[in-house]
Amino acid sequence: MIYPGHCHCGAIGFRFETALPVHAWSIRICECEFCRAHGALYTADPAGRVAFNAQIGNRPRRYLFASRTADFLFCENCGVYLGAMTEISGRYFAVLNVNTMRLADLPRPAHRSFEGESVEHRQERRQRTWTLVVNPL
């Protein structure tokens, strides 16, 4: 199945490809200050793929914070937060903000805290649990 997601104005989006039905997705709430402030709900499928897209002349605004190991992607026009992307060993991986998709029947989110996680462990976890990006913006 392919699930589209996009910012409010439609300038930046993605197509999330996963064999998992929505009710089987792992939905997470990160406990960090940034994610709480944005009300993000995350999902990823390590067996899936995501393709980002942008209208001509539009690119996501990237924000780095804390460990500076991932780009947090925002639309420059409407300010919507789409998710985060990281490069590891020449490959890109992403976690997606499900609030940018129109979905019903989402499972109950699990709260996660990654405070105190080393950069090495963080990158290993992301490579293992995030979704492969097939065309990074």
Protein backbone atom coordinates (compact mmCIF):
# COMPACT_ATOMS: atom_id res chain seq x y z
CA MET A 1 0.00 0.00 0.00
CA ILE A 2 1.08 3.58 -0.62
CA TYR A 3 0.10 6.28 1.84
CA PRO A 4 0.60 9.91 0.83
CA GLY A 5 1.46 12.66 3.25
CA HIS A 6 1.94 16.38 2.70
CA CYS A 7 2.17 19.74 4.33
CA HIS A 8 -0.89 21.97 4.66
CA CYS A 9 -0.26 23.92 1.43
CA GLY A 10 0.79 20.84 -0.58
CA ALA A 11 4.23 22.16 -1.55
CA ILE A 12 6.14 19.30 0.14
CA GLY A 13 4.99 15.72 0.48
CA PHE A 14 5.90 12.07 0.45
CA ARG A 15 4.65 8.65 -0.57
CA PHE A 16 5.09 6.04 2.17
CA GLU A 17 5.10 2.48 0.85
CA THR A 18 4.49 -0.29 3.38
CA ALA A 19 2.95 -3.75 3.38
CA LEU A 20 1.60 -3.11 6.89
CA PRO A 21 -2.06 -2.15 7.30
CA VAL A 22 -2.55 1.07 9.26
CA HIS A 23 -3.85 -0.74 12.35
CA ALA A 24 -0.50 -2.63 12.55
CA TRP A 25 1.73 0.45 12.36
CA SER A 26 4.00 1.32 15.23
CA ILE A 27 3.01 4.84 16.30
CA ARG A 28 5.36 6.68 18.63
CA ILE A 29 5.37 9.89 20.61
CA CYS A 30 8.88 11.15 21.33
CA GLU A 31 9.21 12.70 24.77
CA CYS A 32 11.76 15.37 23.77
CA GLU A 33 10.88 19.05 24.00
CA PHE A 34 10.98 19.54 20.21
CA CYS A 35 8.58 16.71 19.40
CA ARG A 36 6.20 17.60 22.23
CA ALA A 37 6.10 21.21 21.00
CA HIS A 38 5.15 20.04 17.50
CA GLY A 39 2.68 17.37 18.60
CA ALA A 40 4.37 14.86 16.31
CA LEU A 41 3.22 11.26 16.02
CA TYR A 42 5.80 9.10 14.28
CA THR A 43 5.83 5.96 12.22
CA ALA A 44 8.35 4.09 10.12
CA ASP A 45 8.66 0.68 8.49
CA PRO A 46 12.17 -0.71 8.01
CA ALA A 47 10.78 -3.00 5.29
CA GLY A 48 9.06 -0.06 3.55
CA ARG A 49 10.19 2.88 1.45
CA VAL A 50 9.45 6.58 1.34
CA ALA A 51 9.78 8.97 -1.59
CA PHE A 52 9.74 12.68 -0.86
CA ASN A 53 8.46 15.17 -3.42
CA ALA A 54 8.25 18.93 -3.77
CA GLN A 55 6.54 21.28 -6.16
CA ILE A 56 8.94 23.11 -8.47
CA GLY A 57 10.71 25.87 -6.58
CA ASN A 58 9.95 24.40 -3.15
CA ARG A 59 12.37 22.60 -0.86
CA PRO A 60 11.90 21.63 2.75
CA ARG A 61 13.52 23.78 5.39
CA ARG A 62 15.89 21.65 7.44
CA TYR A 63 16.40 22.07 11.14
CA LEU A 64 19.17 20.45 13.18
CA PHE A 65 19.17 20.32 16.95
CA ALA A 66 20.64 18.41 19.89
CA SER A 67 22.97 15.73 18.48
CA ARG A 68 22.74 17.17 14.94
CA THR A 69 22.30 13.66 13.52
CA ALA A 70 19.02 14.19 11.63
CA ASP A 71 17.39 16.86 9.48
CA PHE A 72 13.92 17.78 10.69
CA LEU A 73 11.90 18.71 7.60
CA PHE A 74 9.46 21.64 7.47
CA CYS A 75 7.58 23.33 4.65
CA GLU A 76 8.93 26.86 4.14
CA ASN A 77 5.48 28.06 3.02
CA CYS A 78 3.08 26.77 5.67
CA GLY A 79 5.46 25.59 8.41
CA VAL A 80 4.15 22.02 8.72
CA TYR A 81 6.61 19.49 10.17
CA LEU A 82 6.77 16.36 7.96
CA GLY A 83 9.32 14.19 9.76
CA ALA A 84 13.04 13.61 10.09
CA MET A 85 15.69 12.20 7.78
CA THR A 86 19.25 11.02 8.41
CA GLU A 87 22.12 9.81 6.25
CA ILE A 88 23.96 6.70 7.41
CA SER A 89 26.71 5.07 5.34
CA GLY A 90 25.52 6.79 2.16
CA ARG A 91 21.87 5.75 2.58
CA TYR A 92 19.00 7.90 3.86
CA PHE A 93 16.39 6.87 6.40
CA ALA A 94 13.29 8.71 7.62
CA VAL A 95 10.65 8.70 10.28
CA LEU A 96 7.33 10.30 9.28
CA ASN A 97 4.89 12.51 11.14
CA VAL A 98 1.58 10.67 10.66
CA ASN A 99 -0.27 13.94 11.34
CA THR A 100 0.57 14.81 7.71
CA MET A 101 -1.45 11.82 6.42
CA ARG A 102 -5.22 11.50 6.41
CA LEU A 103 -5.67 8.21 8.24
CA ALA A 104 -8.23 6.52 10.43
CA ASP A 105 -7.82 3.63 12.85
CA LEU A 106 -4.32 4.49 14.01
CA PRO A 107 -3.12 2.32 16.87
CA ARG A 108 -2.57 3.88 20.27
CA PRO A 109 0.83 5.63 20.31
CA ALA A 110 3.66 4.45 22.55
CA HIS A 111 5.72 7.04 24.41
CA ARG A 112 9.48 6.88 23.81
CA SER A 113 12.39 8.75 25.31
CA PHE A 114 15.81 8.76 23.68
CA GLU A 115 17.48 11.02 26.26
CA GLY A 116 21.02 9.96 27.03
CA GLU A 117 21.31 7.78 23.93
CA SER A 118 24.79 7.88 22.37
CA VAL A 119 25.19 9.10 18.79
CA GLU A 120 26.39 5.63 17.76
CA HIS A 121 23.40 3.89 19.32
CA ARG A 122 21.02 6.50 17.89
CA GLN A 123 22.31 5.97 14.33
CA GLU A 124 22.23 2.18 14.71
CA ARG A 125 18.63 2.34 15.97
CA ARG A 126 17.56 4.62 13.13
CA GLN A 127 19.18 2.41 10.49
CA ARG A 128 17.39 -0.59 11.99
CA THR A 129 13.95 0.96 12.59
CA TRP A 130 13.44 3.93 10.22
CA THR A 131 12.22 3.73 6.61
CA LEU A 132 14.57 3.76 3.64
CA VAL A 133 14.34 7.00 1.62
CA VAL A 134 14.44 6.38 -2.14
CA ASN A 135 14.84 10.03 -3.21
CA PRO A 136 16.04 12.40 -0.50
CA LEU A 137 15.25 16.06 -1.08
